[in-house]
Protein backbone atom coordinates (compact mmCIF):
# COMPACT_ATOMS: atom_id res chain seq x y z
CA MET A 1 -0.27 -0.04 0.17
CA PRO A 2 1.61 3.59 -1.06
CA TYR A 3 2.54 6.07 1.57
CA LYS A 4 0.06 8.65 2.42
CA GLU A 5 1.08 11.90 3.51
CA ARG A 6 -1.26 13.43 6.58
CA GLU A 7 -3.47 16.29 5.37
CA ILE A 8 -1.61 19.36 7.33
CA GLU A 9 -4.38 20.78 9.69
CA LYS A 10 -4.60 24.55 10.04
CA LYS A 11 -4.56 25.63 13.95
CA TYR A 12 -6.79 28.77 13.23
CA HIS A 13 -9.08 29.66 10.31
CA SER A 14 -10.19 33.09 9.46
CA ILE A 15 -14.00 34.31 9.55
CA GLY A 16 -14.13 33.81 5.88
CA GLU A 17 -12.82 30.72 5.53
CA VAL A 18 -15.29 29.50 8.22
CA ALA A 19 -18.13 31.09 6.41
CA GLN A 20 -17.35 29.24 3.26
CA MET A 21 -17.04 25.95 4.93
CA PHE A 22 -20.92 26.75 5.81
CA LYS A 23 -21.79 28.63 2.88
CA VAL A 24 -22.96 31.75 4.43
CA ALA A 25 -21.90 35.17 4.57
CA PRO A 26 -18.98 36.17 7.50
CA SER A 27 -21.91 38.98 8.85
CA LEU A 28 -23.92 35.74 10.06
CA ILE A 29 -20.68 34.20 11.69
CA ARG A 30 -20.09 37.37 13.52
CA TYR A 31 -23.81 37.83 14.61
CA TRP A 32 -23.81 34.52 15.99
CA GLU A 33 -20.93 35.61 18.02
CA GLY A 34 -23.22 38.28 19.56
CA GLU A 35 -26.20 35.93 20.14
CA PHE A 36 -24.41 32.99 21.29
CA ASP A 37 -22.08 32.95 24.32
CA ILE A 38 -20.35 29.60 23.28
CA ILE A 39 -18.71 31.42 20.32
CA ARG A 40 -15.66 33.05 21.42
CA PRO A 41 -12.84 33.29 18.82
CA LYS A 42 -9.50 34.38 19.51
CA LYS A 43 -8.59 37.63 18.27
CA ASP A 44 -5.18 38.83 16.76
CA ARG A 45 -3.41 41.79 17.29
CA LYS A 46 -5.26 43.81 14.34
CA GLY A 47 -8.34 42.29 15.81
CA ASN A 48 -9.02 39.66 13.25
CA ARG A 49 -11.17 36.87 14.64
CA ARG A 50 -9.33 33.23 14.44
CA TYR A 51 -11.51 30.25 14.61
CA THR A 52 -10.23 26.92 15.98
CA LYS A 53 -11.62 23.59 15.48
CA VAL A 54 -13.20 24.03 18.56
CA ASP A 55 -15.08 26.90 17.73
CA ILE A 56 -16.04 25.40 14.38
CA GLN A 57 -17.51 22.57 15.71
CA LYS A 58 -19.66 24.81 18.15
CA ILE A 59 -20.87 27.13 14.93
CA LYS A 60 -21.36 23.59 13.09
CA TYR A 61 -24.16 22.90 16.48
CA ILE A 62 -25.64 26.17 16.03
CA TYR A 63 -25.89 25.60 12.46
CA HIS A 64 -27.56 22.60 12.52
CA LEU A 65 -30.02 23.92 15.24
CA VAL A 66 -31.06 27.02 13.00
CA LYS A 67 -30.45 26.17 9.27
CA GLU A 68 -30.95 22.27 9.41
CA LYS A 69 -33.83 21.61 12.28
CA GLY A 70 -35.14 25.40 12.00
CA TYR A 71 -34.96 26.55 15.45
CA THR A 72 -35.24 30.46 16.31
CA LEU A 73 -32.01 32.09 17.43
CA GLN A 74 -34.37 32.08 21.03
CA GLY A 75 -34.95 28.50 20.63
CA ALA A 76 -31.52 27.37 19.76
CA GLN A 77 -30.26 29.53 22.82
CA GLU A 78 -32.39 27.62 24.85
CA VAL A 79 -31.63 24.37 23.43
CA ILE A 80 -27.97 24.93 24.18
CA LYS A 81 -28.19 26.14 27.72
CA ALA A 82 -30.29 23.08 28.66
CA GLY A 83 -28.42 20.72 27.18
CA LYS A 84 -25.14 22.12 25.79
CA GLU A 85 -22.94 18.81 25.76
CA GLN A 86 -25.70 16.43 24.82
CA GLY A 87 -26.25 18.14 21.61
CA PHE A 88 -22.75 18.92 20.91
CA ASP A 89 -21.72 15.75 21.48
CA LYS A 90 -24.51 14.11 19.34
CA VAL A 91 -23.38 16.40 16.35
CA GLN A 92 -19.71 15.39 16.60
CA ALA A 93 -20.73 11.65 16.70
CA VAL A 94 -22.62 12.29 13.39
CA GLN A 95 -19.91 14.13 11.87
CA LYS A 96 -17.23 11.09 12.80
CA LEU A 97 -19.81 8.68 11.87
CA GLN A 98 -19.79 10.60 8.13
CA GLU A 99 -15.86 10.80 7.93
CA ILE A 100 -15.92 6.69 8.62
CA ARG A 101 -18.45 6.22 5.97
CA ASP A 102 -16.36 8.37 3.41
CA PHE A 103 -13.47 6.41 4.31
CA LEU A 104 -14.82 3.11 3.94
CA ILE A 105 -16.77 4.42 0.64
CA ASN A 106 -13.35 5.46 -1.01
CA ILE A 107 -12.06 2.10 0.26
CA ARG A 108 -14.52 -0.05 -1.39
CA ASP A 109 -14.05 2.37 -4.96
CA GLU A 110 -10.34 1.66 -4.87
CA PHE A 111 -10.33 -1.89 -4.28
CA ASN A 112 -13.68 -2.11 -7.13
CA ALA A 113 -11.26 0.01 -9.55
CA LYS A 114 -8.50 -2.31 -8.72
CA SER A 115 -10.22 -5.79 -9.11
CA GLY A 116 -11.90 -4.47 -12.15
CA SER A 117 -8.99 -3.81 -14.14
């Protein structure tokens, strides 16, 4: 099996990169930052926001509640306050399962390509 290089993961992401991940405007991310206490990105000397992987996971949880489940901002805030860790853990688990599924599909496709030729 050939050697695969590990993907280099960035430690910090800009607000533009985070907004692009979720296909939303950067202003929405800034707005959510003001509405939800769980989003607190670090800021550099210039005042630019720098989001860590944990911040992005929290934004993903908020995105899931507001955009996918249809909660209002107030409703999402109540869900987060009521069971902050439970919902956050579920979203992380689903994300990890999706990554594993994609990995297995990739292996299957490579196997089928090699056995078919």
